[in-house]
Amino acid sequence: MLNRHFFTSLLALLFIFSTATAQDLTFNLSEIHQFKIDGDANVRSWDAEITEADAQLVLTGVENLSLDALTENSFGSLEISIPVEGIESDSRRLTRNLQGYLKGDDFPTITFSLQQINSVSHENGKAQISADGLINAAGVENTVSMNVEAELNDDGSITFSGVQDLLMTDFDIDPPTAIMGTVRSDDEIQIIYQVKFTNE
């Protein structure tokens, strides 16, 4: 009877300790090092900068933030919101066309929502993350698979970087043309990013 009471009390203490130390950590997008769209056409390549974005990352059950703490189960949620009007290029015409093709008047925001973490591996001081997410652009939702590199900074922030291939037609966007169709954009584009999230 005494032993049973002792072990019951011990289990209760362990449960209280684990719930007290493991916690949710919320990170917000704090700095954009690079966030742009790269594309090609039959005449020349083009690009546009994503100048504005809001994002929030929640890590769950983290006792001590470390690179090893980034696992398949620690990513609770990730939501990203990008205003279409914040996508800009060096050309005013291209900026206007891009925002038009993205149907910015009707759908002013592009969103991303993390759906699933498939795997996380650690090497050379960085985490390699394979994940699936849902992008909503121009009013169309599409699931994408992505490979992301994460690095834990000295100040406790996390930097995510990667290159994401997308097709415009996956979002019902016809590749732009100009000058009576003689200039034609490729369907394929790349989203190149390096962004910093800070726990505040």
N, C-alpha and C. Protein backbone atom coordinates (compact mmCIF):
# COMPACT_ATOMS: atom_id res chain seq x y z
N MET A 1 0.83 -1.20 0.00
CA MET A 1 0.00 0.00 0.00
C MET A 1 0.87 1.25 0.00
N LEU A 2 1.92 1.21 0.82
CA LEU A 2 2.83 2.35 0.89
C LEU A 2 3.56 2.53 -0.43
N ASN A 3 4.01 1.42 -1.02
CA ASN A 3 4.72 1.50 -2.30
C ASN A 3 3.82 2.05 -3.39
N ARG A 4 2.56 1.59 -3.39
CA ARG A 4 1.63 2.09 -4.41
C ARG A 4 1.42 3.58 -4.26
N HIS A 5 1.26 4.04 -3.02
CA HIS A 5 1.09 5.47 -2.78
C HIS A 5 2.33 6.26 -3.20
N PHE A 6 3.50 5.69 -2.94
CA PHE A 6 4.76 6.35 -3.31
C PHE A 6 4.87 6.51 -4.82
N PHE A 7 4.60 5.43 -5.56
CA PHE A 7 4.73 5.49 -7.02
C PHE A 7 3.66 6.38 -7.64
N THR A 8 2.46 6.40 -7.05
CA THR A 8 1.41 7.30 -7.55
C THR A 8 1.83 8.75 -7.38
N SER A 9 2.40 9.05 -6.22
CA SER A 9 2.86 10.42 -5.96
C SER A 9 4.01 10.79 -6.88
N LEU A 10 4.92 9.82 -7.12
CA LEU A 10 6.05 10.08 -8.00
C LEU A 10 5.59 10.37 -9.42
N LEU A 11 4.63 9.58 -9.91
CA LEU A 11 4.10 9.81 -11.26
C LEU A 11 3.41 11.17 -11.35
N ALA A 12 2.69 11.54 -10.31
CA ALA A 12 2.02 12.85 -10.30
C ALA A 12 3.03 13.98 -10.35
N LEU A 13 4.12 13.85 -9.59
CA LEU A 13 5.17 14.87 -9.59
C LEU A 13 5.84 14.97 -10.95
N LEU A 14 6.11 13.81 -11.58
CA LEU A 14 6.72 13.82 -12.90
C LEU A 14 5.81 14.48 -13.92
N PHE A 15 4.50 14.22 -13.82
CA PHE A 15 3.55 14.83 -14.75
C PHE A 15 3.52 16.35 -14.57
N ILE A 16 3.48 16.79 -13.30
CA ILE A 16 3.46 18.23 -13.04
C ILE A 16 4.73 18.89 -13.54
N PHE A 17 5.87 18.22 -13.33
CA PHE A 17 7.16 18.78 -13.76
C PHE A 17 7.22 18.89 -15.28
N SER A 18 6.75 17.86 -15.96
CA SER A 18 6.84 17.87 -17.43
C SER A 18 5.94 18.91 -18.02
N THR A 19 4.74 19.09 -17.46
CA THR A 19 3.83 20.09 -18.01
C THR A 19 4.29 21.50 -17.65
N ALA A 20 5.07 21.62 -16.59
CA ALA A 20 5.56 22.96 -16.20
C ALA A 20 6.74 23.39 -17.06
N THR A 21 7.55 22.41 -17.51
CA THR A 21 8.74 22.77 -18.27
C THR A 21 8.47 22.81 -19.77
N ALA A 22 7.67 21.86 -20.27
CA ALA A 22 7.34 21.86 -21.69
C ALA A 22 6.31 22.96 -21.95
N GLN A 23 6.50 23.75 -23.00
CA GLN A 23 5.59 24.86 -23.23
C GLN A 23 5.51 25.17 -24.72
N ASP A 24 4.56 26.02 -25.05
CA ASP A 24 4.44 26.51 -26.41
C ASP A 24 5.24 27.80 -26.54
N LEU A 25 5.99 27.92 -27.60
CA LEU A 25 6.75 29.14 -27.88
C LEU A 25 6.22 29.75 -29.16
N THR A 26 5.90 31.03 -29.11
CA THR A 26 5.38 31.73 -30.28
C THR A 26 6.45 32.65 -30.87
N PHE A 27 6.68 32.48 -32.16
CA PHE A 27 7.67 33.29 -32.88
C PHE A 27 6.94 34.10 -33.95
N ASN A 28 7.37 35.35 -34.12
CA ASN A 28 6.81 36.20 -35.17
C ASN A 28 7.89 36.58 -36.17
N LEU A 29 7.49 36.75 -37.41
CA LEU A 29 8.42 37.19 -38.44
C LEU A 29 8.97 38.56 -38.06
N SER A 30 10.29 38.65 -37.92
CA SER A 30 10.90 39.90 -37.46
C SER A 30 11.81 40.55 -38.49
N GLU A 31 12.29 39.78 -39.45
CA GLU A 31 13.21 40.34 -40.43
C GLU A 31 13.18 39.53 -41.73
N ILE A 32 13.13 40.24 -42.84
CA ILE A 32 13.19 39.61 -44.15
C ILE A 32 14.56 39.88 -44.75
N HIS A 33 15.40 38.85 -44.79
CA HIS A 33 16.71 38.99 -45.43
C HIS A 33 16.56 38.92 -46.95
N GLN A 34 15.71 37.99 -47.39
CA GLN A 34 15.43 37.84 -48.81
C GLN A 34 14.07 37.15 -48.95
N PHE A 35 13.27 37.70 -49.84
CA PHE A 35 11.95 37.11 -50.11
C PHE A 35 11.54 37.62 -51.50
N LYS A 36 11.70 36.79 -52.51
CA LYS A 36 11.43 37.28 -53.85
C LYS A 36 10.90 36.18 -54.76
N ILE A 37 10.34 36.62 -55.88
CA ILE A 37 9.83 35.73 -56.91
C ILE A 37 10.76 35.84 -58.12
N ASP A 38 11.24 34.72 -58.60
CA ASP A 38 12.07 34.67 -59.81
C ASP A 38 11.31 33.96 -60.92
N GLY A 39 11.37 34.54 -62.12
CA GLY A 39 10.73 33.91 -63.26
C GLY A 39 11.55 34.11 -64.52
N ASP A 40 11.20 33.35 -65.56
CA ASP A 40 11.87 33.46 -66.85
C ASP A 40 10.84 33.71 -67.93
N ALA A 41 11.30 34.28 -69.02
CA ALA A 41 10.49 34.48 -70.21
C ALA A 41 11.35 34.15 -71.42
N ASN A 42 10.74 34.13 -72.60
CA ASN A 42 11.52 33.80 -73.80
C ASN A 42 12.47 34.93 -74.18
N VAL A 43 12.33 36.09 -73.56
CA VAL A 43 13.21 37.22 -73.86
C VAL A 43 14.26 37.40 -72.76
N ARG A 44 13.82 37.46 -71.51
CA ARG A 44 14.76 37.64 -70.40
C ARG A 44 14.09 37.19 -69.11
N SER A 45 14.90 37.03 -68.07
CA SER A 45 14.38 36.66 -66.77
C SER A 45 13.79 37.89 -66.08
N TRP A 46 12.98 37.68 -65.05
CA TRP A 46 12.39 38.77 -64.30
C TRP A 46 12.31 38.36 -62.83
N ASP A 47 12.15 39.34 -61.96
CA ASP A 47 11.99 39.04 -60.53
C ASP A 47 11.19 40.15 -59.87
N ALA A 48 10.66 39.83 -58.71
CA ALA A 48 9.89 40.80 -57.93
C ALA A 48 10.14 40.52 -56.45
N GLU A 49 10.21 41.58 -55.67
CA GLU A 49 10.46 41.47 -54.24
C GLU A 49 9.14 41.39 -53.47
N ILE A 50 9.10 40.51 -52.48
CA ILE A 50 8.01 40.49 -51.52
C ILE A 50 8.44 41.37 -50.35
N THR A 51 7.92 42.58 -50.30
CA THR A 51 8.42 43.58 -49.37
C THR A 51 7.70 43.57 -48.02
N GLU A 52 6.52 42.93 -47.98
CA GLU A 52 5.74 42.92 -46.74
C GLU A 52 5.24 41.50 -46.48
N ALA A 53 5.22 41.11 -45.21
CA ALA A 53 4.66 39.82 -44.82
C ALA A 53 4.45 39.80 -43.32
N ASP A 54 3.42 39.11 -42.90
CA ASP A 54 3.19 38.82 -41.48
C ASP A 54 3.20 37.31 -41.32
N ALA A 55 3.82 36.82 -40.25
CA ALA A 55 3.88 35.37 -40.05
C ALA A 55 4.02 35.06 -38.58
N GLN A 56 3.45 33.93 -38.19
CA GLN A 56 3.56 33.47 -36.80
C GLN A 56 3.81 31.97 -36.79
N LEU A 57 4.80 31.58 -36.00
CA LEU A 57 5.17 30.18 -35.83
C LEU A 57 4.98 29.80 -34.37
N VAL A 58 4.34 28.65 -34.13
CA VAL A 58 4.17 28.14 -32.78
C VAL A 58 4.86 26.79 -32.67
N LEU A 59 5.83 26.71 -31.74
CA LEU A 59 6.47 25.45 -31.41
C LEU A 59 5.82 24.91 -30.14
N THR A 60 5.50 23.62 -30.12
CA THR A 60 4.80 23.04 -28.99
C THR A 60 5.68 22.05 -28.23
N GLY A 61 5.45 22.00 -26.92
CA GLY A 61 6.13 21.03 -26.08
C GLY A 61 7.64 21.18 -26.04
N VAL A 62 8.11 22.42 -26.12
CA VAL A 62 9.55 22.66 -26.13
C VAL A 62 10.02 22.99 -24.71
N GLU A 63 10.96 22.22 -24.18
CA GLU A 63 11.49 22.47 -22.84
C GLU A 63 12.61 23.50 -22.90
N ASN A 64 13.62 23.22 -23.71
CA ASN A 64 14.73 24.16 -23.91
C ASN A 64 14.95 24.29 -25.42
N LEU A 65 14.83 25.52 -25.92
CA LEU A 65 14.97 25.72 -27.35
C LEU A 65 16.39 25.41 -27.79
N SER A 66 16.51 24.47 -28.68
CA SER A 66 17.79 24.09 -29.27
C SER A 66 17.49 23.53 -30.64
N LEU A 67 18.53 23.31 -31.42
CA LEU A 67 18.32 22.76 -32.75
C LEU A 67 17.67 21.38 -32.66
N ASP A 68 18.08 20.60 -31.68
CA ASP A 68 17.51 19.26 -31.51
C ASP A 68 16.04 19.30 -31.10
N ALA A 69 15.60 20.44 -30.57
CA ALA A 69 14.20 20.57 -30.19
C ALA A 69 13.28 20.74 -31.40
N LEU A 70 13.85 21.02 -32.55
CA LEU A 70 13.06 21.13 -33.78
C LEU A 70 12.87 19.72 -34.33
N THR A 71 11.70 19.15 -34.07
CA THR A 71 11.38 17.79 -34.49
C THR A 71 10.06 17.78 -35.26
N GLU A 72 9.68 16.60 -35.74
CA GLU A 72 8.41 16.48 -36.46
C GLU A 72 7.22 16.90 -35.59
N ASN A 73 7.34 16.69 -34.28
CA ASN A 73 6.21 16.96 -33.38
C ASN A 73 6.22 18.34 -32.76
N SER A 74 7.30 19.09 -32.93
CA SER A 74 7.39 20.37 -32.24
C SER A 74 6.76 21.53 -33.01
N PHE A 75 6.48 21.33 -34.29
CA PHE A 75 5.89 22.41 -35.08
C PHE A 75 4.37 22.38 -34.93
N GLY A 76 3.86 23.28 -34.10
CA GLY A 76 2.42 23.32 -33.88
C GLY A 76 1.68 23.97 -35.04
N SER A 77 2.15 25.13 -35.48
CA SER A 77 1.50 25.83 -36.58
C SER A 77 2.45 26.86 -37.18
N LEU A 78 2.18 27.19 -38.42
CA LEU A 78 2.88 28.27 -39.11
C LEU A 78 1.91 28.91 -40.08
N GLU A 79 1.67 30.19 -39.91
CA GLU A 79 0.76 30.94 -40.79
C GLU A 79 1.51 32.14 -41.35
N ILE A 80 1.41 32.33 -42.67
CA ILE A 80 2.07 33.46 -43.34
C ILE A 80 1.03 34.20 -44.16
N SER A 81 1.08 35.52 -44.11
CA SER A 81 0.18 36.36 -44.88
C SER A 81 0.99 37.40 -45.65
N ILE A 82 0.76 37.46 -46.97
CA ILE A 82 1.51 38.38 -47.83
C ILE A 82 0.53 39.26 -48.60
N PRO A 83 0.57 40.58 -48.40
CA PRO A 83 -0.31 41.46 -49.18
C PRO A 83 0.18 41.56 -50.63
N VAL A 84 -0.72 41.40 -51.56
CA VAL A 84 -0.36 41.46 -52.98
C VAL A 84 0.24 42.81 -53.33
N GLU A 85 -0.26 43.87 -52.71
CA GLU A 85 0.25 45.21 -53.01
C GLU A 85 1.69 45.40 -52.55
N GLY A 86 2.20 44.46 -51.72
CA GLY A 86 3.57 44.54 -51.26
C GLY A 86 4.55 43.82 -52.16
N ILE A 87 4.07 43.29 -53.30
CA ILE A 87 4.95 42.63 -54.27
C ILE A 87 5.36 43.67 -55.32
N GLU A 88 6.65 43.95 -55.40
CA GLU A 88 7.12 45.03 -56.25
C GLU A 88 8.33 44.60 -57.08
N SER A 89 8.43 45.14 -58.28
CA SER A 89 9.58 44.90 -59.14
C SER A 89 10.22 46.24 -59.50
N ASP A 90 11.31 46.18 -60.26
CA ASP A 90 11.98 47.42 -60.69
C ASP A 90 11.15 48.16 -61.74
N SER A 91 10.26 47.45 -62.39
CA SER A 91 9.42 48.04 -63.43
C SER A 91 8.02 48.29 -62.89
N ARG A 92 7.56 49.52 -63.02
CA ARG A 92 6.22 49.84 -62.56
C ARG A 92 5.17 49.05 -63.34
N ARG A 93 5.41 48.85 -64.63
CA ARG A 93 4.47 48.09 -65.45
C ARG A 93 4.41 46.63 -65.00
N LEU A 94 5.60 46.03 -64.74
CA LEU A 94 5.63 44.64 -64.30
C LEU A 94 4.95 44.51 -62.94
N THR A 95 5.19 45.46 -62.05
CA THR A 95 4.53 45.43 -60.73
C THR A 95 3.03 45.45 -60.89
N ARG A 96 2.53 46.34 -61.75
CA ARG A 96 1.09 46.44 -61.97
C ARG A 96 0.55 45.16 -62.59
N ASN A 97 1.29 44.59 -63.54
CA ASN A 97 0.83 43.36 -64.19
C ASN A 97 0.81 42.19 -63.21
N LEU A 98 1.86 42.08 -62.38
CA LEU A 98 1.92 40.99 -61.41
C LEU A 98 0.74 41.07 -60.44
N GLN A 99 0.49 42.25 -59.93
CA GLN A 99 -0.61 42.41 -59.00
C GLN A 99 -1.96 42.15 -59.67
N GLY A 100 -2.02 42.47 -60.97
CA GLY A 100 -3.24 42.18 -61.72
C GLY A 100 -3.44 40.69 -61.95
N TYR A 101 -2.38 39.98 -62.34
CA TYR A 101 -2.49 38.53 -62.54
C TYR A 101 -2.80 37.80 -61.25
N LEU A 102 -2.35 38.35 -60.13
CA LEU A 102 -2.66 37.76 -58.82
C LEU A 102 -4.03 38.16 -58.31
N LYS A 103 -4.78 38.94 -59.12
CA LYS A 103 -6.14 39.36 -58.79
C LYS A 103 -6.20 40.06 -57.44
N GLY A 104 -5.24 40.99 -57.28
CA GLY A 104 -5.11 41.67 -56.00
C GLY A 104 -6.33 42.45 -55.56
N ASP A 105 -7.13 42.95 -56.50
CA ASP A 105 -8.33 43.69 -56.13
C ASP A 105 -9.36 42.79 -55.46
N ASP A 106 -9.47 41.56 -55.95
CA ASP A 106 -10.45 40.62 -55.40
C ASP A 106 -9.87 39.77 -54.26
N PHE A 107 -8.59 39.46 -54.37
CA PHE A 107 -7.94 38.61 -53.36
C PHE A 107 -6.64 39.31 -52.93
N PRO A 108 -6.74 40.27 -52.03
CA PRO A 108 -5.60 41.13 -51.71
C PRO A 108 -4.48 40.47 -50.91
N THR A 109 -4.70 39.23 -50.45
CA THR A 109 -3.71 38.58 -49.60
C THR A 109 -3.40 37.18 -50.08
N ILE A 110 -2.12 36.84 -50.12
CA ILE A 110 -1.66 35.47 -50.35
C ILE A 110 -1.37 34.85 -48.99
N THR A 111 -1.85 33.64 -48.75
CA THR A 111 -1.64 33.02 -47.44
C THR A 111 -0.96 31.66 -47.59
N PHE A 112 -0.24 31.30 -46.54
CA PHE A 112 0.37 29.97 -46.44
C PHE A 112 0.06 29.42 -45.06
N SER A 113 -0.32 28.14 -45.02
CA SER A 113 -0.60 27.48 -43.76
C SER A 113 0.11 26.12 -43.74
N LEU A 114 0.90 25.89 -42.72
CA LEU A 114 1.59 24.61 -42.58
C LEU A 114 0.57 23.51 -42.33
N GLN A 115 0.69 22.42 -43.08
CA GLN A 115 -0.23 21.29 -42.94
C GLN A 115 0.39 20.11 -42.22
N GLN A 116 1.65 19.82 -42.54
CA GLN A 116 2.27 18.63 -41.98
C GLN A 116 3.79 18.70 -42.09
N ILE A 117 4.47 18.25 -41.04
CA ILE A 117 5.92 18.07 -41.09
C ILE A 117 6.19 16.60 -41.38
N ASN A 118 6.89 16.33 -42.46
CA ASN A 118 7.14 14.94 -42.86
C ASN A 118 8.40 14.38 -42.22
N SER A 119 9.44 15.20 -42.12
CA SER A 119 10.69 14.74 -41.51
C SER A 119 11.54 15.93 -41.14
N VAL A 120 12.40 15.72 -40.13
CA VAL A 120 13.38 16.72 -39.72
C VAL A 120 14.69 16.00 -39.46
N SER A 121 15.76 16.46 -40.09
CA SER A 121 17.09 15.90 -39.83
C SER A 121 18.03 17.04 -39.45
N HIS A 122 19.09 16.72 -38.73
CA HIS A 122 20.03 17.72 -38.26
C HIS A 122 21.42 17.40 -38.77
N GLU A 123 22.02 18.42 -39.39
CA GLU A 123 23.39 18.25 -39.88
C GLU A 123 24.05 19.61 -40.06
N ASN A 124 25.34 19.66 -39.73
CA ASN A 124 26.14 20.88 -39.88
C ASN A 124 25.51 22.09 -39.19
N GLY A 125 24.93 21.85 -38.01
CA GLY A 125 24.38 22.94 -37.23
C GLY A 125 23.09 23.51 -37.78
N LYS A 126 22.40 22.78 -38.67
CA LYS A 126 21.14 23.26 -39.24
C LYS A 126 20.14 22.10 -39.28
N ALA A 127 18.87 22.46 -39.33
CA ALA A 127 17.81 21.46 -39.44
C ALA A 127 17.27 21.47 -40.87
N GLN A 128 17.16 20.29 -41.46
CA GLN A 128 16.58 20.14 -42.79
C GLN A 128 15.16 19.62 -42.61
N ILE A 129 14.19 20.41 -43.06
CA ILE A 129 12.79 20.12 -42.78
C ILE A 129 12.05 19.83 -44.09
N SER A 130 11.35 18.71 -44.11
CA SER A 130 10.47 18.37 -45.23
C SER A 130 9.03 18.54 -44.75
N ALA A 131 8.24 19.33 -45.48
CA ALA A 131 6.90 19.66 -45.01
C ALA A 131 5.93 19.84 -46.16
N ASP A 132 4.65 19.81 -45.83
CA ASP A 132 3.57 20.13 -46.77
C ASP A 132 2.83 21.34 -46.25
N GLY A 133 2.44 22.21 -47.17
CA GLY A 133 1.71 23.40 -46.77
C GLY A 133 0.64 23.74 -47.79
N LEU A 134 -0.26 24.62 -47.40
CA LEU A 134 -1.36 25.04 -48.27
C LEU A 134 -1.20 26.51 -48.61
N ILE A 135 -1.07 26.80 -49.90
CA ILE A 135 -0.97 28.18 -50.39
C ILE A 135 -2.30 28.59 -51.01
N ASN A 136 -2.75 29.76 -50.66
CA ASN A 136 -3.93 30.35 -51.30
C ASN A 136 -3.49 31.62 -52.01
N ALA A 137 -3.53 31.61 -53.35
CA ALA A 137 -3.13 32.77 -54.15
C ALA A 137 -4.15 32.97 -55.26
N ALA A 138 -4.51 34.19 -55.52
CA ALA A 138 -5.49 34.53 -56.56
C ALA A 138 -6.80 33.77 -56.36
N GLY A 139 -7.12 33.49 -55.10
CA GLY A 139 -8.38 32.81 -54.78
C GLY A 139 -8.36 31.31 -54.98
N VAL A 140 -7.20 30.74 -55.24
CA VAL A 140 -7.09 29.30 -55.49
C VAL A 140 -6.15 28.68 -54.46
N GLU A 141 -6.58 27.54 -53.88
CA GLU A 141 -5.75 26.84 -52.91
C GLU A 141 -5.00 25.70 -53.58
N ASN A 142 -3.76 25.50 -53.18
CA ASN A 142 -2.96 24.43 -53.73
C ASN A 142 -1.98 23.94 -52.66
N THR A 143 -1.87 22.62 -52.53
CA THR A 143 -0.94 22.04 -51.57
C THR A 143 0.44 21.89 -52.20
N VAL A 144 1.47 22.26 -51.46
CA VAL A 144 2.84 22.19 -51.96
C VAL A 144 3.70 21.39 -50.98
N SER A 145 4.68 20.69 -51.52
CA SER A 145 5.70 20.03 -50.71
C SER A 145 6.95 20.88 -50.75
N MET A 146 7.61 21.00 -49.62
CA MET A 146 8.72 21.94 -49.53
C MET A 146 9.85 21.38 -48.68
N ASN A 147 11.05 21.85 -48.98
CA ASN A 147 12.24 21.54 -48.20
C ASN A 147 12.81 22.85 -47.67
N VAL A 148 12.92 22.94 -46.36
CA VAL A 148 13.29 24.19 -45.70
C VAL A 148 14.50 23.94 -44.80
N GLU A 149 15.40 24.90 -44.77
CA GLU A 149 16.55 24.83 -43.88
C GLU A 149 16.34 25.79 -42.72
N ALA A 150 16.54 25.31 -41.50
CA ALA A 150 16.37 26.16 -40.31
C ALA A 150 17.68 26.25 -39.54
N GLU A 151 17.96 27.46 -39.06
CA GLU A 151 19.17 27.69 -38.28
C GLU A 151 18.82 28.47 -37.02
N LEU A 152 19.28 27.99 -35.88
CA LEU A 152 19.04 28.66 -34.61
C LEU A 152 20.14 29.68 -34.36
N ASN A 153 19.74 30.94 -34.18
CA ASN A 153 20.71 32.02 -33.98
C ASN A 153 21.07 32.19 -32.50
N ASP A 154 22.16 32.90 -32.24
CA ASP A 154 22.65 33.09 -30.87
C ASP A 154 21.64 33.80 -29.98
N ASP A 155 20.79 34.66 -30.58
CA ASP A 155 19.82 35.40 -29.78
C ASP A 155 18.52 34.63 -29.56
N GLY A 156 18.48 33.35 -29.97
CA GLY A 156 17.28 32.54 -29.78
C GLY A 156 16.28 32.64 -30.92
N SER A 157 16.59 33.43 -31.92
CA SER A 157 15.71 33.52 -33.09
C SER A 157 16.01 32.35 -34.04
N ILE A 158 15.12 32.14 -35.00
CA ILE A 158 15.27 31.07 -35.97
C ILE A 158 15.22 31.66 -37.38
N THR A 159 16.18 31.29 -38.21
CA THR A 159 16.18 31.73 -39.61
C THR A 159 15.82 30.55 -40.50
N PHE A 160 14.80 30.75 -41.33
CA PHE A 160 14.37 29.75 -42.30
C PHE A 160 14.75 30.20 -43.70
N SER A 161 15.27 29.29 -44.50
CA SER A 161 15.63 29.64 -45.87
C SER A 161 15.34 28.47 -46.80
N GLY A 162 15.15 28.82 -48.08
CA GLY A 162 14.88 27.78 -49.06
C GLY A 162 14.49 28.36 -50.40
N VAL A 163 14.26 27.46 -51.34
CA VAL A 163 13.80 27.81 -52.68
C VAL A 163 12.60 26.92 -52.99
N GLN A 164 11.47 27.54 -53.32
CA GLN A 164 10.25 26.79 -53.58
C GLN A 164 9.83 26.95 -55.04
N ASP A 165 9.74 25.83 -55.76
CA ASP A 165 9.26 25.85 -57.15
C ASP A 165 7.74 25.81 -57.17
N LEU A 166 7.16 26.66 -58.01
CA LEU A 166 5.71 26.70 -58.18
C LEU A 166 5.36 26.85 -59.64
N LEU A 167 4.15 26.47 -59.99
CA LEU A 167 3.60 26.70 -61.33
C LEU A 167 2.47 27.72 -61.23
N MET A 168 2.48 28.73 -62.07
CA MET A 168 1.41 29.72 -62.06
C MET A 168 0.06 29.07 -62.38
N THR A 169 0.07 28.10 -63.27
CA THR A 169 -1.18 27.46 -63.68
C THR A 169 -1.82 26.66 -62.54
N ASP A 170 -1.03 26.29 -61.52
CA ASP A 170 -1.62 25.60 -60.37
C ASP A 170 -2.58 26.50 -59.61
N PHE A 171 -2.48 27.81 -59.85
CA PHE A 171 -3.36 28.78 -59.20
C PHE A 171 -4.27 29.46 -60.23
N ASP A 172 -4.47 28.76 -61.35
CA ASP A 172 -5.33 29.27 -62.44
C ASP A 172 -4.85 30.62 -62.97
N ILE A 173 -3.53 30.83 -62.94
CA ILE A 173 -2.94 32.04 -63.49
C ILE A 173 -2.27 31.69 -64.82
N ASP A 174 -2.72 32.29 -65.89
CA ASP A 174 -2.09 32.07 -67.18
C ASP A 174 -0.76 32.81 -67.23
N PRO A 175 0.31 32.14 -67.65
CA PRO A 175 1.61 32.83 -67.77
C PRO A 175 1.46 34.09 -68.62
N PRO A 176 1.92 35.23 -68.11
CA PRO A 176 1.72 36.50 -68.81
C PRO A 176 2.38 36.54 -70.19
N THR A 177 1.76 37.28 -71.09
CA THR A 177 2.32 37.54 -72.41
C THR A 177 2.28 39.05 -72.65
N ALA A 178 3.07 39.49 -73.63
CA ALA A 178 3.09 40.91 -73.99
C ALA A 178 3.48 41.05 -75.46
N ILE A 179 3.24 42.24 -75.98
CA ILE A 179 3.59 42.60 -77.36
C ILE A 179 3.04 41.53 -78.33
N MET A 180 1.72 41.43 -78.33
CA MET A 180 1.01 40.53 -79.25
C MET A 180 1.48 39.08 -79.11
N GLY A 181 1.85 38.70 -77.88
CA GLY A 181 2.22 37.32 -77.63
C GLY A 181 3.66 36.98 -77.96
N THR A 182 4.44 37.96 -78.42
CA THR A 182 5.84 37.65 -78.77
C THR A 182 6.71 37.51 -77.53
N VAL A 183 6.27 38.10 -76.41
CA VAL A 183 6.97 37.92 -75.15
C VAL A 183 6.10 37.01 -74.28
N ARG A 184 6.66 35.88 -73.87
CA ARG A 184 5.89 34.88 -73.13
C ARG A 184 6.65 34.47 -71.87
N SER A 185 5.98 34.56 -70.75
CA SER A 185 6.58 34.14 -69.48
C SER A 185 6.46 32.63 -69.32
N ASP A 186 7.46 32.01 -68.73
CA ASP A 186 7.38 30.59 -68.41
C ASP A 186 6.37 30.37 -67.29
N ASP A 187 5.81 29.17 -67.26
CA ASP A 187 4.86 28.81 -66.21
C ASP A 187 5.56 28.69 -64.86
N GLU A 188 6.80 28.21 -64.87
CA GLU A 188 7.52 27.95 -63.63
C GLU A 188 8.05 29.24 -63.00
N ILE A 189 7.89 29.34 -61.69
CA ILE A 189 8.49 30.42 -60.92
C ILE A 189 9.15 29.82 -59.68
N GLN A 190 10.02 30.60 -59.05
CA GLN A 190 10.65 30.18 -57.81
C GLN A 190 10.44 31.26 -56.75
N ILE A 191 10.12 30.81 -55.55
CA ILE A 191 10.07 31.70 -54.40
C ILE A 191 11.35 31.46 -53.60
N ILE A 192 12.19 32.48 -53.50
CA ILE A 192 13.47 32.38 -52.80
C ILE A 192 13.37 33.19 -51.51
N TYR A 193 13.68 32.56 -50.39
CA TYR A 193 13.44 33.25 -49.11
C TYR A 193 14.52 32.93 -48.08
N GLN A 194 14.74 33.91 -47.23
CA GLN A 194 15.53 33.77 -46.01
C GLN A 194 14.92 34.75 -45.01
N VAL A 195 14.22 34.21 -44.03
CA VAL A 195 13.44 35.05 -43.11
C VAL A 195 13.74 34.66 -41.67
N LYS A 196 13.65 35.65 -40.79
CA LYS A 196 14.00 35.45 -39.38
C LYS A 196 12.75 35.57 -38.51
N PHE A 197 12.59 34.60 -37.60
CA PHE A 197 11.48 34.59 -36.64
C PHE A 197 12.06 34.77 -35.23
N THR A 198 11.41 35.65 -34.46
CA THR A 198 11.87 35.96 -33.11
C THR A 198 10.79 35.67 -32.09
N ASN A 199 11.18 35.06 -30.99
CA ASN A 199 10.27 34.80 -29.87
C ASN A 199 10.22 36.05 -29.00
N GLU A 200 9.07 36.72 -29.00
CA GLU A 200 8.94 37.99 -28.29
C GLU A 200 7.91 37.89 -27.16
